[in-house]
Amino acid sequence: MLIETSSYRVSRTELTNLATAEYLRQFWWFVAVTPVFGLLALIFGSGPMQAIGMFAILWPFSIPARSVLSTAKTSRLVSGGCRVRINDDLLEFLGEKPGPSGKPYRMVIPFVNVRELVRRKEFLLVRTRQLAFVPIRLDAFGSPSEVDMLEARLRRLE
């Protein structure tokens, strides 16, 4: 099986929004519980405990900023334009924009490291076992059947 997508770009803002949404979907329980703890610490705590409570209340507001930092490597690849080559056992992301070394950015993900594929709006998110993800625009595929073939290939590995 060899599928190659057309070139696509994902802006830094889109990538940050995707990362924030993925974080909230995976760790919603922690995002919900931490501010509640912070509120209780502010009400019933004293001194340092109130300071910890304030940090716990404000912590969810830092998620978008941390999303910007955590997607820096992926952003260099997809914001300059890239295409995906899908072989029998790996996904190869080929950047079009050269990096500091003069070579284009490149990322290889073996299928054994892919946890799942998830469709989010106009993206297909490749979630890895390291709790990272790489977006592929659905319209970069030649046809919807190519996406179905990729999903079927990953299901056979499970």
C-alpha atoms as a PDB file:
ATOM      1  CA  MET A   1       0.000   0.000   0.000  1.00  0.00           C
ATOM      2  CA  LEU A   2       1.460   3.331  -1.003  1.00  0.00           C
ATOM      3  CA  ILE A   3      -0.571   6.474  -0.511  1.00  0.00           C
ATOM      4  CA  GLU A   4       0.833   9.946  -0.951  1.00  0.00           C
ATOM      5  CA  THR A   5      -1.148  13.027  -0.023  1.00  0.00           C
ATOM      6  CA  SER A   6      -0.996  16.337  -1.774  1.00  0.00           C
ATOM      7  CA  SER A   7       0.771  19.185  -0.020  1.00  0.00           C
ATOM      8  CA  TYR A   8      -1.064  20.819   2.878  1.00  0.00           C
ATOM      9  CA  ARG A   9      -0.400  23.433   5.556  1.00  0.00           C
ATOM     10  CA  VAL A  10      -1.625  23.772   9.112  1.00  0.00           C
ATOM     11  CA  SER A  11      -1.235  27.221  10.652  1.00  0.00           C
ATOM     12  CA  ARG A  12       0.277  27.673  14.088  1.00  0.00           C
ATOM     13  CA  THR A  13      -3.104  28.846  15.416  1.00  0.00           C
ATOM     14  CA  GLU A  14      -4.932  25.791  14.062  1.00  0.00           C
ATOM     15  CA  LEU A  15      -2.281  23.493  15.530  1.00  0.00           C
ATOM     16  CA  THR A  16      -2.496  25.204  18.925  1.00  0.00           C
ATOM     17  CA  ASN A  17      -6.292  24.915  18.919  1.00  0.00           C
ATOM     18  CA  LEU A  18      -6.065  21.219  18.012  1.00  0.00           C
ATOM     19  CA  ALA A  19      -3.498  20.599  20.762  1.00  0.00           C
ATOM     20  CA  THR A  20      -5.601  22.407  23.365  1.00  0.00           C
ATOM     21  CA  ALA A  21      -8.708  20.447  22.381  1.00  0.00           C
ATOM     22  CA  GLU A  22      -6.798  17.133  22.438  1.00  0.00           C
ATOM     23  CA  TYR A  23      -5.416  17.917  25.897  1.00  0.00           C
ATOM     24  CA  LEU A  24      -8.854  18.777  27.235  1.00  0.00           C
ATOM     25  CA  ARG A  25     -10.377  15.621  25.719  1.00  0.00           C
ATOM     26  CA  GLN A  26      -7.742  13.341  27.213  1.00  0.00           C
ATOM     27  CA  PHE A  27      -7.352  14.965  30.631  1.00  0.00           C
ATOM     28  CA  TRP A  28     -10.769  16.569  31.220  1.00  0.00           C
ATOM     29  CA  TRP A  29     -11.044  14.969  34.650  1.00  0.00           C
ATOM     30  CA  PHE A  30      -7.802  16.601  35.805  1.00  0.00           C
ATOM     31  CA  VAL A  31      -8.755  19.960  34.310  1.00  0.00           C
ATOM     32  CA  ALA A  32     -12.074  19.790  36.187  1.00  0.00           C
ATOM     33  CA  VAL A  33     -10.709  18.635  39.552  1.00  0.00           C
ATOM     34  CA  THR A  34      -7.696  20.959  39.885  1.00  0.00           C
ATOM     35  CA  PRO A  35      -9.638  24.266  40.079  1.00  0.00           C
ATOM     36  CA  VAL A  36     -12.083  22.691  42.547  1.00  0.00           C
ATOM     37  CA  PHE A  37      -9.114  21.782  44.751  1.00  0.00           C
ATOM     38  CA  GLY A  38      -7.823  25.337  44.330  1.00  0.00           C
ATOM     39  CA  LEU A  39     -11.131  26.826  45.406  1.00  0.00           C
ATOM     40  CA  LEU A  40     -11.238  24.603  48.492  1.00  0.00           C
ATOM     41  CA  ALA A  41      -7.635  25.529  49.317  1.00  0.00           C
ATOM     42  CA  LEU A  42      -8.487  29.239  49.046  1.00  0.00           C
ATOM     43  CA  ILE A  43     -11.528  28.902  51.290  1.00  0.00           C
ATOM     44  CA  PHE A  44     -10.194  26.542  53.950  1.00  0.00           C
ATOM     45  CA  GLY A  45      -6.415  26.925  53.672  1.00  0.00           C
ATOM     46  CA  SER A  46      -4.084  29.509  55.093  1.00  0.00           C
ATOM     47  CA  GLY A  47      -0.783  31.019  53.985  1.00  0.00           C
ATOM     48  CA  PRO A  48       1.045  28.821  51.472  1.00  0.00           C
ATOM     49  CA  MET A  49      -2.009  26.621  50.966  1.00  0.00           C
ATOM     50  CA  GLN A  50      -3.966  29.629  49.672  1.00  0.00           C
ATOM     51  CA  ALA A  51      -1.130  30.429  47.248  1.00  0.00           C
ATOM     52  CA  ILE A  52      -1.218  26.837  45.979  1.00  0.00           C
ATOM     53  CA  GLY A  53      -4.986  27.170  45.644  1.00  0.00           C
ATOM     54  CA  MET A  54      -4.605  30.302  43.528  1.00  0.00           C
ATOM     55  CA  PHE A  55      -2.169  28.507  41.211  1.00  0.00           C
ATOM     56  CA  ALA A  56      -4.567  25.561  40.946  1.00  0.00           C
ATOM     57  CA  ILE A  57      -7.429  27.869  39.949  1.00  0.00           C
ATOM     58  CA  LEU A  58      -5.323  29.654  37.330  1.00  0.00           C
ATOM     59  CA  TRP A  59      -3.638  26.492  35.967  1.00  0.00           C
ATOM     60  CA  PRO A  60      -6.265  25.670  33.270  1.00  0.00           C
ATOM     61  CA  PHE A  61      -5.679  29.090  31.694  1.00  0.00           C
ATOM     62  CA  SER A  62      -2.086  28.053  30.925  1.00  0.00           C
ATOM     63  CA  ILE A  63      -3.153  25.154  28.673  1.00  0.00           C
ATOM     64  CA  PRO A  64      -3.152  27.170  25.397  1.00  0.00           C
ATOM     65  CA  ALA A  65       0.302  28.593  26.153  1.00  0.00           C
ATOM     66  CA  ARG A  66       1.645  25.124  26.885  1.00  0.00           C
ATOM     67  CA  SER A  67       0.043  23.911  23.650  1.00  0.00           C
ATOM     68  CA  VAL A  68       2.073  26.472  21.709  1.00  0.00           C
ATOM     69  CA  LEU A  69       5.279  25.236  23.325  1.00  0.00           C
ATOM     70  CA  SER A  70       4.516  21.530  22.998  1.00  0.00           C
ATOM     71  CA  THR A  71       3.704  21.727  19.274  1.00  0.00           C
ATOM     72  CA  ALA A  72       6.831  23.622  18.198  1.00  0.00           C
ATOM     73  CA  LYS A  73       8.452  20.683  16.381  1.00  0.00           C
ATOM     74  CA  THR A  74       5.253  19.631  14.623  1.00  0.00           C
ATOM     75  CA  SER A  75       4.561  23.254  13.694  1.00  0.00           C
ATOM     76  CA  ARG A  76       7.896  23.600  11.913  1.00  0.00           C
ATOM     77  CA  LEU A  77       6.934  20.601   9.802  1.00  0.00           C
ATOM     78  CA  VAL A  78       3.294  21.333   8.916  1.00  0.00           C
ATOM     79  CA  SER A  79       3.190  25.144   8.848  1.00  0.00           C
ATOM     80  CA  GLY A  80       5.706  25.334   6.013  1.00  0.00           C
ATOM     81  CA  GLY A  81       3.765  22.801   4.003  1.00  0.00           C
ATOM     82  CA  CYS A  82       4.180  19.054   3.982  1.00  0.00           C
ATOM     83  CA  ARG A  83       2.873  15.893   2.413  1.00  0.00           C
ATOM     84  CA  VAL A  84       2.487  12.411   3.830  1.00  0.00           C
ATOM     85  CA  ARG A  85       3.751   9.217   2.257  1.00  0.00           C
ATOM     86  CA  ILE A  86       2.124   6.101   3.700  1.00  0.00           C
ATOM     87  CA  ASN A  87       4.002   2.840   3.161  1.00  0.00           C
ATOM     88  CA  ASP A  88       3.179  -0.652   4.402  1.00  0.00           C
ATOM     89  CA  ASP A  89       4.681  -0.085   7.843  1.00  0.00           C
ATOM     90  CA  LEU A  90       5.184   3.649   8.406  1.00  0.00           C
ATOM     91  CA  LEU A  91       3.919   7.174   7.953  1.00  0.00           C
ATOM     92  CA  GLU A  92       6.486   9.556   6.519  1.00  0.00           C
ATOM     93  CA  PHE A  93       5.840  13.298   6.831  1.00  0.00           C
ATOM     94  CA  LEU A  94       7.927  15.218   4.299  1.00  0.00           C
ATOM     95  CA  GLY A  95       8.259  18.949   4.808  1.00  0.00           C
ATOM     96  CA  GLU A  96       8.641  21.334   1.907  1.00  0.00           C
ATOM     97  CA  LYS A  97      10.346  24.129   3.796  1.00  0.00           C
ATOM     98  CA  PRO A  98      14.051  23.609   4.567  1.00  0.00           C
ATOM     99  CA  GLY A  99      15.223  23.775   8.155  1.00  0.00           C
ATOM    100  CA  PRO A 100      18.384  25.432   9.508  1.00  0.00           C
ATOM    101  CA  SER A 101      20.549  22.624   8.084  1.00  0.00           C
ATOM    102  CA  GLY A 102      19.204  23.272   4.587  1.00  0.00           C
ATOM    103  CA  LYS A 103      17.388  19.944   4.467  1.00  0.00           C
ATOM    104  CA  PRO A 104      13.578  19.807   4.539  1.00  0.00           C
ATOM    105  CA  TYR A 105      11.929  18.766   7.785  1.00  0.00           C
ATOM    106  CA  ARG A 106      10.981  15.093   7.962  1.00  0.00           C
ATOM    107  CA  MET A 107       9.179  12.935  10.520  1.00  0.00           C
ATOM    108  CA  VAL A 108       8.787   9.160  10.358  1.00  0.00           C
ATOM    109  CA  ILE A 109       6.211   7.348  12.489  1.00  0.00           C
ATOM    110  CA  PRO A 110       6.148   3.532  12.315  1.00  0.00           C
ATOM    111  CA  PHE A 111       2.640   2.065  12.447  1.00  0.00           C
ATOM    112  CA  VAL A 112       3.513   0.271  15.702  1.00  0.00           C
ATOM    113  CA  ASN A 113       3.889   3.714  17.339  1.00  0.00           C
ATOM    114  CA  VAL A 114       0.466   4.920  16.170  1.00  0.00           C
ATOM    115  CA  ARG A 115      -2.144   4.615  18.898  1.00  0.00           C
ATOM    116  CA  GLU A 116      -5.149   5.645  16.813  1.00  0.00           C
ATOM    117  CA  LEU A 117      -6.467   7.834  14.030  1.00  0.00           C
ATOM    118  CA  VAL A 118      -9.158  10.351  14.919  1.00  0.00           C
ATOM    119  CA  ARG A 119     -11.193  12.594  12.620  1.00  0.00           C
ATOM    120  CA  ARG A 120     -11.587  16.147  13.927  1.00  0.00           C
ATOM    121  CA  LYS A 121     -13.390  18.580  11.629  1.00  0.00           C
ATOM    122  CA  GLU A 122     -11.212  18.823   8.506  1.00  0.00           C
ATOM    123  CA  PHE A 123      -8.283  16.922  10.034  1.00  0.00           C
ATOM    124  CA  LEU A 124      -7.204  13.343  10.546  1.00  0.00           C
ATOM    125  CA  LEU A 125      -5.152  13.262  13.750  1.00  0.00           C
ATOM    126  CA  VAL A 126      -2.468  10.611  14.038  1.00  0.00           C
ATOM    127  CA  ARG A 127      -2.210   9.975  17.784  1.00  0.00           C
ATOM    128  CA  THR A 128       1.024   8.316  18.853  1.00  0.00           C
ATOM    129  CA  ARG A 129       1.776   6.137  21.851  1.00  0.00           C
ATOM    130  CA  GLN A 130       3.867   8.988  23.312  1.00  0.00           C
ATOM    131  CA  LEU A 131       0.657  11.066  23.721  1.00  0.00           C
ATOM    132  CA  ALA A 132       1.592  13.304  20.798  1.00  0.00           C
ATOM    133  CA  PHE A 133      -0.281  13.865  17.553  1.00  0.00           C
ATOM    134  CA  VAL A 134       0.314  15.019  13.992  1.00  0.00           C
ATOM    135  CA  PRO A 135      -2.542  16.448  11.895  1.00  0.00           C
ATOM    136  CA  ILE A 136      -3.228  15.568   8.275  1.00  0.00           C
ATOM    137  CA  ARG A 137      -5.794  17.601   6.355  1.00  0.00           C
ATOM    138  CA  LEU A 138      -8.519  15.316   5.037  1.00  0.00           C
ATOM    139  CA  ASP A 139      -8.657  17.219   1.758  1.00  0.00           C
ATOM    140  CA  ALA A 140      -4.968  16.384   1.155  1.00  0.00           C
ATOM    141  CA  PHE A 141      -5.966  12.780   0.449  1.00  0.00           C
ATOM    142  CA  GLY A 142      -6.867  11.948  -3.133  1.00  0.00           C
ATOM    143  CA  SER A 143     -10.163  10.357  -2.113  1.00  0.00           C
ATOM    144  CA  PRO A 144     -12.052   9.304   1.032  1.00  0.00           C
ATOM    145  CA  SER A 145     -11.211   5.681   0.190  1.00  0.00           C
ATOM    146  CA  GLU A 146      -7.518   6.413   0.900  1.00  0.00           C
ATOM    147  CA  VAL A 147      -8.421   7.484   4.442  1.00  0.00           C
ATOM    148  CA  ASP A 148     -10.498   4.320   4.847  1.00  0.00           C
ATOM    149  CA  MET A 149      -7.564   2.194   3.602  1.00  0.00           C
ATOM    150  CA  LEU A 150      -5.245   3.804   6.151  1.00  0.00           C
ATOM    151  CA  GLU A 151      -7.726   3.238   8.987  1.00  0.00           C
ATOM    152  CA  ALA A 152      -8.219  -0.397   7.916  1.00  0.00           C
ATOM    153  CA  ARG A 153      -4.447  -0.938   7.842  1.00  0.00           C
ATOM    154  CA  LEU A 154      -4.095   0.332  11.400  1.00  0.00           C
ATOM    155  CA  ARG A 155      -7.019  -1.794  12.624  1.00  0.00           C
ATOM    156  CA  ARG A 156      -5.245  -4.912  11.329  1.00  0.00           C
ATOM    157  CA  LEU A 157      -2.251  -4.078  13.538  1.00  0.00           C
ATOM    158  CA  GLU A 158      -4.308  -3.879  16.735  1.00  0.00           C
END
